[in-house]
Amino acid sequence: MTPASYIEFVDNYGRYVILDAEGFLIDPLDWGCSFTEQRAQRANIVLDDKHWLLIDIIRDKYLRLGALPSMRIVCRAAGLDKRALKQQFGSCLNLWKIAGLPDPGEEAKAYMS
């Protein structure tokens, strides 16, 4: 049983993952492609190769660094500018949630909105 401040999310394979009250994945290692596909669908985003490239880059950088990577570096690695990222995901914060990463903290969330 999870605390009231947590949400259970069932992916397409019937696996339960735990989100915090704001919708961030608690453990980024619980992530799977199915999780991202469902989150994108709920946000009315149709994932294409550029979306997946951004998701892969941001997950890799976060998991290697253990911290929020610079969005400028993420965009440069994907060959996009920040406006293009926002067009694809609505915001950097939405990309972060769809990519299945944990709460980056209040200061980072203000920067990502």
N, C-alpha and C. Protein backbone atom coordinates (compact mmCIF):
# COMPACT_ATOMS: atom_id res chain seq x y z
N MET A 1 0.85 -1.19 0.00
CA MET A 1 0.00 0.00 0.00
C MET A 1 0.88 1.24 0.00
N THR A 2 0.49 2.23 -0.76
CA THR A 2 1.28 3.44 -0.87
C THR A 2 0.66 4.55 -0.05
N PRO A 3 1.48 5.51 0.41
CA PRO A 3 0.93 6.66 1.13
C PRO A 3 -0.04 7.43 0.26
N ALA A 4 -0.93 8.19 0.87
CA ALA A 4 -1.95 8.95 0.14
C ALA A 4 -1.34 9.95 -0.83
N SER A 5 -0.09 10.38 -0.57
CA SER A 5 0.52 11.38 -1.44
C SER A 5 1.14 10.74 -2.69
N TYR A 6 0.99 9.43 -2.83
CA TYR A 6 1.53 8.75 -4.00
C TYR A 6 0.41 8.19 -4.86
N ILE A 7 0.71 8.01 -6.14
CA ILE A 7 -0.25 7.51 -7.10
C ILE A 7 0.34 6.25 -7.73
N GLU A 8 -0.46 5.22 -7.82
CA GLU A 8 0.00 4.03 -8.53
C GLU A 8 -0.37 4.20 -9.99
N PHE A 9 0.53 3.87 -10.85
CA PHE A 9 0.35 3.98 -12.29
C PHE A 9 0.60 2.60 -12.88
N VAL A 10 -0.31 2.13 -13.69
CA VAL A 10 -0.16 0.82 -14.31
C VAL A 10 0.22 1.03 -15.77
N ASP A 11 1.36 0.44 -16.18
CA ASP A 11 1.76 0.60 -17.57
C ASP A 11 1.05 -0.42 -18.47
N ASN A 12 1.35 -0.40 -19.73
CA ASN A 12 0.68 -1.28 -20.70
C ASN A 12 0.91 -2.76 -20.43
N TYR A 13 1.91 -3.08 -19.63
CA TYR A 13 2.22 -4.48 -19.33
C TYR A 13 1.69 -4.91 -17.97
N GLY A 14 0.88 -4.05 -17.36
CA GLY A 14 0.29 -4.37 -16.07
C GLY A 14 1.24 -4.18 -14.89
N ARG A 15 2.39 -3.55 -15.13
CA ARG A 15 3.34 -3.28 -14.04
C ARG A 15 2.91 -2.02 -13.30
N TYR A 16 3.00 -2.07 -12.00
CA TYR A 16 2.71 -0.90 -11.18
C TYR A 16 4.00 -0.11 -10.97
N VAL A 17 3.90 1.19 -11.16
CA VAL A 17 4.99 2.09 -10.81
C VAL A 17 4.37 3.17 -9.92
N ILE A 18 5.20 3.76 -9.09
CA ILE A 18 4.70 4.74 -8.13
C ILE A 18 5.13 6.14 -8.54
N LEU A 19 4.13 7.03 -8.61
CA LEU A 19 4.35 8.44 -8.90
C LEU A 19 4.12 9.24 -7.63
N ASP A 20 4.80 10.38 -7.53
CA ASP A 20 4.49 11.26 -6.40
C ASP A 20 3.21 12.03 -6.71
N ALA A 21 2.78 12.85 -5.79
CA ALA A 21 1.51 13.57 -5.93
C ALA A 21 1.50 14.51 -7.15
N GLU A 22 2.68 14.94 -7.62
CA GLU A 22 2.75 15.83 -8.78
C GLU A 22 2.92 15.06 -10.09
N GLY A 23 2.99 13.74 -10.03
CA GLY A 23 3.09 12.94 -11.24
C GLY A 23 4.50 12.57 -11.66
N PHE A 24 5.48 12.77 -10.79
CA PHE A 24 6.85 12.38 -11.10
C PHE A 24 7.08 10.93 -10.68
N LEU A 25 7.79 10.18 -11.50
CA LEU A 25 8.12 8.81 -11.17
C LEU A 25 9.07 8.81 -9.98
N ILE A 26 8.76 8.03 -8.95
CA ILE A 26 9.58 8.00 -7.75
C ILE A 26 10.96 7.41 -8.05
N ASP A 27 10.99 6.25 -8.69
CA ASP A 27 12.24 5.57 -9.00
C ASP A 27 12.42 5.53 -10.51
N PRO A 28 13.37 6.31 -11.06
CA PRO A 28 13.52 6.34 -12.51
C PRO A 28 13.91 4.99 -13.10
N LEU A 29 14.36 4.05 -12.29
CA LEU A 29 14.70 2.73 -12.79
C LEU A 29 13.46 1.86 -12.99
N ASP A 30 12.29 2.33 -12.52
CA ASP A 30 11.02 1.65 -12.78
C ASP A 30 10.49 1.98 -14.17
N TRP A 31 11.15 2.89 -14.86
CA TRP A 31 10.71 3.38 -16.16
C TRP A 31 10.75 2.31 -17.23
N GLY A 32 9.87 2.43 -18.20
CA GLY A 32 9.88 1.61 -19.41
C GLY A 32 9.24 2.41 -20.53
N CYS A 33 9.48 1.99 -21.75
CA CYS A 33 8.91 2.69 -22.92
C CYS A 33 7.39 2.79 -22.82
N SER A 34 6.77 1.74 -22.29
CA SER A 34 5.31 1.73 -22.14
C SER A 34 4.84 2.88 -21.25
N PHE A 35 5.58 3.16 -20.19
CA PHE A 35 5.25 4.26 -19.29
C PHE A 35 5.24 5.57 -20.07
N THR A 36 6.30 5.81 -20.84
CA THR A 36 6.41 7.05 -21.61
C THR A 36 5.31 7.15 -22.67
N GLU A 37 5.03 6.06 -23.34
CA GLU A 37 3.97 6.07 -24.36
C GLU A 37 2.62 6.44 -23.76
N GLN A 38 2.31 5.89 -22.60
CA GLN A 38 1.03 6.21 -21.95
C GLN A 38 1.00 7.66 -21.49
N ARG A 39 2.10 8.13 -20.88
CA ARG A 39 2.12 9.52 -20.41
C ARG A 39 1.98 10.49 -21.57
N ALA A 40 2.65 10.20 -22.67
CA ALA A 40 2.56 11.07 -23.85
C ALA A 40 1.14 11.05 -24.40
N GLN A 41 0.54 9.89 -24.47
CA GLN A 41 -0.83 9.78 -24.99
C GLN A 41 -1.78 10.59 -24.14
N ARG A 42 -1.64 10.54 -22.83
CA ARG A 42 -2.50 11.32 -21.93
C ARG A 42 -2.30 12.82 -22.10
N ALA A 43 -1.10 13.21 -22.56
CA ALA A 43 -0.81 14.63 -22.80
C ALA A 43 -1.09 15.02 -24.25
N ASN A 44 -1.72 14.11 -25.01
CA ASN A 44 -2.03 14.34 -26.43
C ASN A 44 -0.79 14.62 -27.27
N ILE A 45 0.28 13.88 -26.98
CA ILE A 45 1.53 13.99 -27.73
C ILE A 45 1.74 12.68 -28.47
N VAL A 46 1.95 12.79 -29.77
CA VAL A 46 2.27 11.62 -30.59
C VAL A 46 3.79 11.57 -30.70
N LEU A 47 4.37 10.54 -30.13
CA LEU A 47 5.82 10.43 -30.10
C LEU A 47 6.39 10.05 -31.46
N ASP A 48 7.41 10.80 -31.88
CA ASP A 48 8.14 10.46 -33.10
C ASP A 48 9.61 10.30 -32.73
N ASP A 49 10.48 10.16 -33.73
CA ASP A 49 11.90 9.92 -33.46
C ASP A 49 12.56 11.06 -32.69
N LYS A 50 12.17 12.31 -32.98
CA LYS A 50 12.75 13.46 -32.26
C LYS A 50 12.35 13.44 -30.78
N HIS A 51 11.09 13.07 -30.50
CA HIS A 51 10.65 12.95 -29.12
C HIS A 51 11.50 11.92 -28.39
N TRP A 52 11.62 10.74 -29.00
CA TRP A 52 12.39 9.67 -28.35
C TRP A 52 13.85 10.04 -28.17
N LEU A 53 14.41 10.79 -29.13
CA LEU A 53 15.79 11.24 -28.99
C LEU A 53 15.94 12.13 -27.76
N LEU A 54 15.02 13.08 -27.59
CA LEU A 54 15.06 13.95 -26.41
C LEU A 54 14.89 13.14 -25.13
N ILE A 55 13.96 12.20 -25.12
CA ILE A 55 13.73 11.37 -23.93
C ILE A 55 14.98 10.57 -23.60
N ASP A 56 15.58 9.96 -24.61
CA ASP A 56 16.80 9.18 -24.37
C ASP A 56 17.94 10.04 -23.84
N ILE A 57 18.11 11.22 -24.42
CA ILE A 57 19.20 12.11 -23.99
C ILE A 57 18.99 12.57 -22.55
N ILE A 58 17.78 13.03 -22.24
CA ILE A 58 17.56 13.56 -20.89
C ILE A 58 17.65 12.45 -19.83
N ARG A 59 17.15 11.26 -20.14
CA ARG A 59 17.26 10.15 -19.20
C ARG A 59 18.73 9.75 -19.00
N ASP A 60 19.48 9.66 -20.10
CA ASP A 60 20.89 9.28 -20.00
C ASP A 60 21.67 10.29 -19.17
N LYS A 61 21.48 11.58 -19.48
CA LYS A 61 22.22 12.61 -18.74
C LYS A 61 21.84 12.61 -17.26
N TYR A 62 20.54 12.50 -16.96
CA TYR A 62 20.12 12.49 -15.56
C TYR A 62 20.70 11.27 -14.83
N LEU A 63 20.57 10.09 -15.44
CA LEU A 63 21.03 8.87 -14.77
C LEU A 63 22.54 8.84 -14.59
N ARG A 64 23.29 9.47 -15.51
CA ARG A 64 24.75 9.53 -15.35
C ARG A 64 25.18 10.61 -14.38
N LEU A 65 24.51 11.77 -14.40
CA LEU A 65 24.91 12.90 -13.55
C LEU A 65 24.21 12.90 -12.19
N GLY A 66 23.00 12.34 -12.15
CA GLY A 66 22.22 12.37 -10.91
C GLY A 66 21.61 13.73 -10.63
N ALA A 67 21.56 14.56 -11.65
CA ALA A 67 21.02 15.91 -11.48
C ALA A 67 20.40 16.38 -12.80
N LEU A 68 19.69 17.48 -12.73
CA LEU A 68 19.06 18.09 -13.90
C LEU A 68 20.13 18.54 -14.88
N PRO A 69 20.12 18.00 -16.11
CA PRO A 69 21.07 18.48 -17.10
C PRO A 69 20.61 19.83 -17.65
N SER A 70 21.54 20.59 -18.16
CA SER A 70 21.20 21.86 -18.79
C SER A 70 20.34 21.59 -20.01
N MET A 71 19.20 22.28 -20.10
CA MET A 71 18.32 22.09 -21.26
C MET A 71 19.01 22.55 -22.53
N ARG A 72 19.92 23.51 -22.43
CA ARG A 72 20.67 23.98 -23.59
C ARG A 72 21.53 22.83 -24.15
N ILE A 73 22.15 22.06 -23.24
CA ILE A 73 22.98 20.93 -23.66
C ILE A 73 22.11 19.82 -24.25
N VAL A 74 20.97 19.57 -23.64
CA VAL A 74 20.04 18.54 -24.14
C VAL A 74 19.56 18.93 -25.54
N CYS A 75 19.16 20.16 -25.71
CA CYS A 75 18.67 20.62 -27.02
C CYS A 75 19.77 20.56 -28.07
N ARG A 76 20.97 20.98 -27.69
CA ARG A 76 22.09 20.94 -28.64
C ARG A 76 22.38 19.50 -29.07
N ALA A 77 22.35 18.57 -28.12
CA ALA A 77 22.61 17.16 -28.44
C ALA A 77 21.55 16.59 -29.38
N ALA A 78 20.32 17.11 -29.28
CA ALA A 78 19.22 16.64 -30.14
C ALA A 78 19.12 17.43 -31.44
N GLY A 79 19.93 18.49 -31.56
CA GLY A 79 19.87 19.32 -32.76
C GLY A 79 18.64 20.20 -32.81
N LEU A 80 18.13 20.61 -31.64
CA LEU A 80 16.94 21.45 -31.55
C LEU A 80 17.24 22.69 -30.72
N ASP A 81 16.41 23.72 -30.86
CA ASP A 81 16.49 24.83 -29.92
C ASP A 81 15.38 24.65 -28.88
N LYS A 82 15.44 25.46 -27.84
CA LYS A 82 14.48 25.30 -26.74
C LYS A 82 13.04 25.49 -27.19
N ARG A 83 12.82 26.38 -28.15
CA ARG A 83 11.46 26.59 -28.67
C ARG A 83 10.92 25.30 -29.30
N ALA A 84 11.77 24.58 -30.02
CA ALA A 84 11.35 23.33 -30.65
C ALA A 84 11.01 22.29 -29.60
N LEU A 85 11.79 22.25 -28.53
CA LEU A 85 11.49 21.32 -27.43
C LEU A 85 10.13 21.65 -26.84
N LYS A 86 9.87 22.92 -26.61
CA LYS A 86 8.58 23.32 -26.04
C LYS A 86 7.43 23.01 -26.99
N GLN A 87 7.67 23.13 -28.30
CA GLN A 87 6.63 22.78 -29.26
C GLN A 87 6.32 21.29 -29.20
N GLN A 88 7.34 20.47 -28.97
CA GLN A 88 7.14 19.03 -28.95
C GLN A 88 6.52 18.54 -27.65
N PHE A 89 6.89 19.13 -26.51
CA PHE A 89 6.43 18.63 -25.22
C PHE A 89 5.60 19.62 -24.41
N GLY A 90 5.50 20.86 -24.85
CA GLY A 90 4.76 21.85 -24.08
C GLY A 90 5.64 22.60 -23.10
N SER A 91 6.55 21.89 -22.44
CA SER A 91 7.51 22.50 -21.53
C SER A 91 8.61 21.49 -21.23
N CYS A 92 9.71 21.98 -20.70
CA CYS A 92 10.79 21.08 -20.28
C CYS A 92 10.31 20.20 -19.13
N LEU A 93 9.46 20.75 -18.28
CA LEU A 93 8.94 19.99 -17.14
C LEU A 93 8.08 18.82 -17.62
N ASN A 94 7.28 19.04 -18.65
CA ASN A 94 6.46 17.97 -19.21
C ASN A 94 7.35 16.88 -19.81
N LEU A 95 8.42 17.27 -20.50
CA LEU A 95 9.39 16.30 -21.02
C LEU A 95 9.94 15.47 -19.87
N TRP A 96 10.29 16.12 -18.78
CA TRP A 96 10.87 15.45 -17.61
C TRP A 96 9.90 14.39 -17.06
N LYS A 97 8.64 14.76 -16.92
CA LYS A 97 7.63 13.81 -16.41
C LYS A 97 7.41 12.66 -17.37
N ILE A 98 7.28 12.97 -18.65
CA ILE A 98 7.04 11.94 -19.66
C ILE A 98 8.24 10.99 -19.75
N ALA A 99 9.43 11.52 -19.53
CA ALA A 99 10.65 10.70 -19.58
C ALA A 99 10.78 9.81 -18.34
N GLY A 100 9.90 9.97 -17.37
CA GLY A 100 9.92 9.10 -16.20
C GLY A 100 11.04 9.41 -15.22
N LEU A 101 11.27 10.68 -14.97
CA LEU A 101 12.32 11.07 -14.03
C LEU A 101 11.69 11.62 -12.75
N PRO A 102 12.43 11.56 -11.63
CA PRO A 102 11.87 12.00 -10.35
C PRO A 102 11.79 13.52 -10.23
N ASP A 103 11.10 13.97 -9.22
CA ASP A 103 10.94 15.40 -8.94
C ASP A 103 12.32 16.06 -8.91
N PRO A 104 12.56 17.06 -9.77
CA PRO A 104 13.87 17.69 -9.81
C PRO A 104 14.08 18.76 -8.73
N GLY A 105 13.05 19.08 -7.95
CA GLY A 105 13.15 20.11 -6.93
C GLY A 105 12.48 21.40 -7.37
N GLU A 106 12.14 22.22 -6.41
CA GLU A 106 11.37 23.44 -6.69
C GLU A 106 12.09 24.43 -7.59
N GLU A 107 13.38 24.65 -7.35
CA GLU A 107 14.10 25.61 -8.18
C GLU A 107 14.17 25.14 -9.63
N ALA A 108 14.44 23.87 -9.83
CA ALA A 108 14.51 23.31 -11.18
C ALA A 108 13.15 23.37 -11.87
N LYS A 109 12.08 23.09 -11.11
CA LYS A 109 10.74 23.14 -11.71
C LYS A 109 10.39 24.54 -12.18
N ALA A 110 10.81 25.55 -11.44
CA ALA A 110 10.55 26.94 -11.86
C ALA A 110 11.31 27.23 -13.16
N TYR A 111 12.51 26.74 -13.26
CA TYR A 111 13.33 26.94 -14.46
C TYR A 111 12.75 26.19 -15.65
N MET A 112 12.14 25.01 -15.42
CA MET A 112 11.67 24.14 -16.49
C MET A 112 10.28 24.49 -16.99
N SER A 113 9.52 25.28 -16.27
CA SER A 113 8.13 25.57 -16.65
C SER A 113 8.03 26.44 -17.88
